[in-house]
N, C-alpha and C. Protein backbone atom coordinates (compact mmCIF):
# COMPACT_ATOMS: atom_id res chain seq x y z
N MET A 1 14.21 13.92 35.75
CA MET A 1 14.72 12.86 34.90
C MET A 1 13.55 12.10 34.29
N ALA A 2 13.63 11.83 32.98
CA ALA A 2 12.57 11.13 32.27
C ALA A 2 12.64 9.64 32.56
N VAL A 3 11.50 9.05 32.72
CA VAL A 3 11.40 7.61 32.94
C VAL A 3 10.72 7.00 31.73
N SER A 4 11.32 5.96 31.17
CA SER A 4 10.70 5.31 30.03
C SER A 4 10.09 3.99 30.48
N GLU A 5 9.03 3.63 29.78
CA GLU A 5 8.33 2.41 30.11
C GLU A 5 7.96 1.72 28.81
N ASP A 6 8.17 0.42 28.72
CA ASP A 6 7.76 -0.33 27.54
C ASP A 6 6.24 -0.39 27.49
N LEU A 7 5.69 0.01 26.35
CA LEU A 7 4.25 -0.03 26.18
C LEU A 7 3.79 -1.20 25.33
N GLY A 8 4.70 -1.83 24.66
CA GLY A 8 4.37 -2.95 23.79
C GLY A 8 5.48 -3.19 22.81
N SER A 9 5.21 -4.00 21.82
CA SER A 9 6.20 -4.28 20.79
C SER A 9 5.50 -4.33 19.44
N ILE A 10 6.26 -4.20 18.39
CA ILE A 10 5.72 -4.23 17.03
C ILE A 10 5.76 -5.68 16.56
N ALA A 11 4.60 -6.18 16.18
CA ALA A 11 4.50 -7.57 15.73
C ALA A 11 4.78 -7.69 14.23
N ALA A 12 4.40 -6.68 13.44
CA ALA A 12 4.59 -6.74 11.99
C ALA A 12 4.54 -5.34 11.41
N LEU A 13 5.25 -5.15 10.31
CA LEU A 13 5.24 -3.89 9.55
C LEU A 13 4.63 -4.17 8.18
N TRP A 14 3.67 -3.33 7.79
CA TRP A 14 3.01 -3.50 6.50
C TRP A 14 2.99 -2.19 5.73
N ARG A 15 3.05 -2.30 4.41
CA ARG A 15 2.89 -1.13 3.54
C ARG A 15 1.86 -1.54 2.48
N PHE A 16 0.99 -0.59 2.14
CA PHE A 16 -0.07 -0.82 1.17
C PHE A 16 0.14 0.12 -0.02
N PRO A 17 0.87 -0.33 -1.06
CA PRO A 17 1.21 0.54 -2.18
C PRO A 17 0.01 1.11 -2.94
N VAL A 18 -1.09 0.33 -3.04
CA VAL A 18 -2.27 0.76 -3.78
C VAL A 18 -3.44 0.87 -2.81
N LYS A 19 -4.09 2.02 -2.83
CA LYS A 19 -5.23 2.28 -1.96
C LYS A 19 -6.27 1.18 -2.08
N SER A 20 -6.74 0.69 -0.95
CA SER A 20 -7.83 -0.30 -0.83
C SER A 20 -7.46 -1.69 -1.31
N MET A 21 -6.17 -1.98 -1.47
CA MET A 21 -5.71 -3.34 -1.80
C MET A 21 -4.88 -3.87 -0.65
N GLY A 22 -4.73 -5.19 -0.62
CA GLY A 22 -3.83 -5.80 0.34
C GLY A 22 -2.41 -5.33 0.06
N GLY A 23 -1.55 -5.46 1.05
CA GLY A 23 -0.21 -4.92 0.90
C GLY A 23 0.89 -5.95 1.06
N GLU A 24 2.03 -5.45 1.49
CA GLU A 24 3.22 -6.28 1.63
C GLU A 24 3.78 -6.15 3.04
N GLN A 25 4.13 -7.30 3.61
CA GLN A 25 4.75 -7.29 4.93
C GLN A 25 6.25 -7.01 4.76
N LEU A 26 6.79 -6.16 5.63
CA LEU A 26 8.18 -5.72 5.51
C LEU A 26 8.97 -6.03 6.77
N HIS A 27 10.28 -6.07 6.62
CA HIS A 27 11.17 -6.25 7.77
C HIS A 27 11.58 -4.91 8.36
N ASN A 28 11.60 -3.88 7.51
CA ASN A 28 11.88 -2.52 7.98
C ASN A 28 11.21 -1.54 7.03
N VAL A 29 10.93 -0.34 7.54
CA VAL A 29 10.29 0.69 6.74
C VAL A 29 10.95 2.03 7.02
N GLU A 30 10.86 2.90 6.04
CA GLU A 30 11.31 4.28 6.23
C GLU A 30 10.07 5.11 6.51
N ILE A 31 10.11 5.88 7.58
CA ILE A 31 8.97 6.70 7.97
C ILE A 31 9.38 8.17 7.93
N THR A 32 8.55 8.97 7.27
CA THR A 32 8.77 10.42 7.20
C THR A 32 7.63 11.11 7.94
N GLU A 33 7.61 12.43 7.88
CA GLU A 33 6.51 13.18 8.51
C GLU A 33 5.17 12.88 7.84
N ARG A 34 5.19 12.30 6.64
CA ARG A 34 3.96 11.94 5.92
C ARG A 34 3.59 10.47 6.09
N GLY A 35 4.37 9.72 6.85
CA GLY A 35 4.06 8.31 7.09
C GLY A 35 5.06 7.38 6.43
N VAL A 36 4.66 6.14 6.21
CA VAL A 36 5.52 5.13 5.61
C VAL A 36 5.75 5.47 4.14
N VAL A 37 7.00 5.51 3.72
CA VAL A 37 7.34 5.85 2.34
C VAL A 37 6.70 4.84 1.39
N GLY A 38 5.92 5.33 0.43
CA GLY A 38 5.29 4.49 -0.57
C GLY A 38 3.93 3.95 -0.17
N ASP A 39 3.47 4.24 1.04
CA ASP A 39 2.18 3.71 1.48
C ASP A 39 1.05 4.45 0.77
N ARG A 40 0.16 3.70 0.14
CA ARG A 40 -1.02 4.23 -0.56
C ARG A 40 -0.64 5.30 -1.59
N ALA A 41 0.47 5.09 -2.27
CA ALA A 41 0.95 6.05 -3.27
C ALA A 41 0.21 5.91 -4.60
N TYR A 42 -0.33 4.73 -4.86
CA TYR A 42 -1.06 4.48 -6.09
C TYR A 42 -2.54 4.25 -5.79
N GLY A 43 -3.36 4.43 -6.81
CA GLY A 43 -4.78 4.13 -6.71
C GLY A 43 -5.30 3.78 -8.09
N LEU A 44 -6.34 3.01 -8.14
CA LEU A 44 -6.99 2.70 -9.41
C LEU A 44 -8.04 3.76 -9.69
N VAL A 45 -8.11 4.21 -10.93
CA VAL A 45 -9.06 5.25 -11.30
C VAL A 45 -10.12 4.65 -12.21
N ASP A 46 -11.38 4.88 -11.88
CA ASP A 46 -12.50 4.44 -12.69
C ASP A 46 -12.55 5.32 -13.94
N LYS A 47 -12.37 4.73 -15.11
CA LYS A 47 -12.33 5.49 -16.37
C LYS A 47 -13.64 6.23 -16.64
N ASP A 48 -14.76 5.67 -16.23
CA ASP A 48 -16.05 6.29 -16.50
C ASP A 48 -16.31 7.52 -15.64
N THR A 49 -15.91 7.47 -14.36
CA THR A 49 -16.21 8.57 -13.45
C THR A 49 -15.01 9.44 -13.12
N GLY A 50 -13.79 8.92 -13.33
CA GLY A 50 -12.59 9.67 -12.97
C GLY A 50 -12.28 9.61 -11.48
N ARG A 51 -13.07 8.85 -10.73
CA ARG A 51 -12.87 8.75 -9.28
C ARG A 51 -11.90 7.62 -8.94
N VAL A 52 -11.18 7.80 -7.85
CA VAL A 52 -10.28 6.76 -7.37
C VAL A 52 -11.11 5.65 -6.75
N ALA A 53 -10.83 4.41 -7.15
CA ALA A 53 -11.55 3.26 -6.63
C ALA A 53 -11.30 3.11 -5.14
N SER A 54 -12.36 2.71 -4.43
CA SER A 54 -12.26 2.55 -2.99
C SER A 54 -13.01 1.31 -2.56
N ALA A 55 -12.45 0.60 -1.59
CA ALA A 55 -13.12 -0.58 -1.04
C ALA A 55 -14.39 -0.18 -0.30
N LYS A 56 -14.54 1.10 0.02
CA LYS A 56 -15.76 1.57 0.67
C LYS A 56 -16.95 1.47 -0.28
N SER A 57 -16.69 1.48 -1.59
CA SER A 57 -17.74 1.34 -2.59
C SER A 57 -17.83 -0.12 -3.01
N VAL A 58 -18.34 -0.95 -2.12
CA VAL A 58 -18.36 -2.40 -2.34
C VAL A 58 -19.15 -2.78 -3.59
N LYS A 59 -20.23 -2.08 -3.87
CA LYS A 59 -21.03 -2.42 -5.05
C LYS A 59 -20.28 -2.14 -6.34
N LEU A 60 -19.49 -1.08 -6.37
CA LEU A 60 -18.73 -0.73 -7.58
C LEU A 60 -17.46 -1.55 -7.72
N PHE A 61 -16.81 -1.85 -6.60
CA PHE A 61 -15.52 -2.54 -6.62
C PHE A 61 -15.55 -3.69 -5.61
N PRO A 62 -16.33 -4.74 -5.88
CA PRO A 62 -16.55 -5.79 -4.88
C PRO A 62 -15.33 -6.63 -4.53
N ASN A 63 -14.36 -6.75 -5.43
CA ASN A 63 -13.22 -7.63 -5.17
C ASN A 63 -11.91 -6.89 -4.96
N LEU A 64 -11.99 -5.60 -4.75
CA LEU A 64 -10.77 -4.80 -4.62
C LEU A 64 -9.89 -5.26 -3.46
N LEU A 65 -10.50 -5.58 -2.34
CA LEU A 65 -9.73 -6.01 -1.17
C LEU A 65 -9.07 -7.38 -1.36
N ASP A 66 -9.53 -8.15 -2.36
CA ASP A 66 -8.92 -9.45 -2.65
C ASP A 66 -7.61 -9.32 -3.42
N CYS A 67 -7.35 -8.15 -3.98
CA CYS A 67 -6.11 -7.90 -4.72
C CYS A 67 -4.98 -7.57 -3.75
N LYS A 68 -3.77 -7.89 -4.14
CA LYS A 68 -2.60 -7.56 -3.33
C LYS A 68 -1.59 -6.83 -4.20
N ALA A 69 -0.91 -5.85 -3.61
CA ALA A 69 0.06 -5.06 -4.36
C ALA A 69 1.40 -5.03 -3.61
N ALA A 70 2.49 -5.06 -4.36
CA ALA A 70 3.84 -4.97 -3.79
C ALA A 70 4.74 -4.24 -4.77
N TYR A 71 5.65 -3.43 -4.25
CA TYR A 71 6.62 -2.75 -5.11
C TYR A 71 7.60 -3.76 -5.69
N VAL A 72 8.04 -3.52 -6.92
CA VAL A 72 9.04 -4.41 -7.53
C VAL A 72 10.43 -4.11 -6.98
N GLU A 73 10.61 -2.93 -6.41
CA GLU A 73 11.83 -2.57 -5.68
C GLU A 73 11.46 -1.56 -4.61
N GLN A 74 12.33 -1.38 -3.65
CA GLN A 74 12.06 -0.51 -2.50
C GLN A 74 11.93 0.96 -2.92
N PRO A 75 10.82 1.64 -2.57
CA PRO A 75 10.73 3.08 -2.84
C PRO A 75 11.63 3.86 -1.89
N LEU A 76 12.21 4.94 -2.39
CA LEU A 76 13.12 5.76 -1.58
C LEU A 76 12.58 7.17 -1.44
N THR A 77 12.81 7.78 -0.30
CA THR A 77 12.38 9.15 -0.06
C THR A 77 12.98 10.06 -1.12
N GLY A 78 12.14 10.89 -1.74
CA GLY A 78 12.62 11.85 -2.73
C GLY A 78 12.83 11.28 -4.12
N GLY A 79 12.73 9.98 -4.27
CA GLY A 79 12.93 9.38 -5.58
C GLY A 79 11.61 9.10 -6.28
N ASP A 80 11.70 8.71 -7.53
CA ASP A 80 10.50 8.30 -8.26
C ASP A 80 10.01 6.97 -7.68
N LEU A 81 8.70 6.82 -7.65
CA LEU A 81 8.16 5.57 -7.15
C LEU A 81 8.37 4.45 -8.16
N PRO A 82 8.82 3.30 -7.70
CA PRO A 82 8.95 2.16 -8.61
C PRO A 82 7.57 1.59 -8.94
N PRO A 83 7.48 0.80 -10.00
CA PRO A 83 6.21 0.16 -10.33
C PRO A 83 5.79 -0.82 -9.23
N VAL A 84 4.52 -1.16 -9.25
CA VAL A 84 4.02 -2.17 -8.32
C VAL A 84 3.57 -3.38 -9.12
N GLN A 85 3.57 -4.51 -8.47
CA GLN A 85 3.03 -5.73 -9.05
C GLN A 85 1.72 -6.01 -8.33
N ILE A 86 0.64 -6.16 -9.10
CA ILE A 86 -0.68 -6.38 -8.53
C ILE A 86 -1.08 -7.83 -8.78
N GLN A 87 -1.48 -8.48 -7.71
CA GLN A 87 -1.92 -9.87 -7.83
C GLN A 87 -3.45 -9.91 -7.74
N PHE A 88 -4.06 -10.33 -8.84
CA PHE A 88 -5.50 -10.54 -8.90
C PHE A 88 -5.76 -12.00 -8.55
N ALA A 89 -6.95 -12.47 -8.66
CA ALA A 89 -7.27 -13.87 -8.36
C ALA A 89 -6.50 -14.79 -9.30
N GLY A 90 -5.37 -15.29 -8.84
CA GLY A 90 -4.58 -16.23 -9.62
C GLY A 90 -3.72 -15.64 -10.72
N ARG A 91 -3.69 -14.30 -10.85
CA ARG A 91 -2.91 -13.66 -11.92
C ARG A 91 -2.06 -12.55 -11.32
N GLN A 92 -1.02 -12.15 -12.06
CA GLN A 92 -0.21 -11.00 -11.65
C GLN A 92 -0.09 -10.05 -12.83
N LYS A 93 -0.08 -8.76 -12.51
CA LYS A 93 0.08 -7.74 -13.53
C LYS A 93 0.99 -6.66 -12.98
N ARG A 94 1.92 -6.22 -13.79
CA ARG A 94 2.83 -5.16 -13.38
C ARG A 94 2.25 -3.83 -13.82
N ALA A 95 2.08 -2.92 -12.86
CA ALA A 95 1.51 -1.61 -13.17
C ALA A 95 2.61 -0.55 -13.10
N GLU A 96 2.58 0.37 -14.04
CA GLU A 96 3.59 1.45 -14.03
C GLU A 96 2.93 2.79 -14.05
């Protein structure tokens, strides 16, 4: 007979719609074999190099981690991803 034991509890659920940006805290999430639906589904692309922007490249993208992204509506498994709203320092921009 299997014995279960509590190992801890979940304090918060987060999804990060855009790679290397702050995300959105959620009350519930849909998880598939690929992870949280909509997590890191978008990325910013450097027009000059064609590379996806990363917070690891602090010299190239020094304020990327200061940005926050949230979906304008809940993404669904198998559906098209909805746009995200990106909050820069004091501004918001809707990305599609």
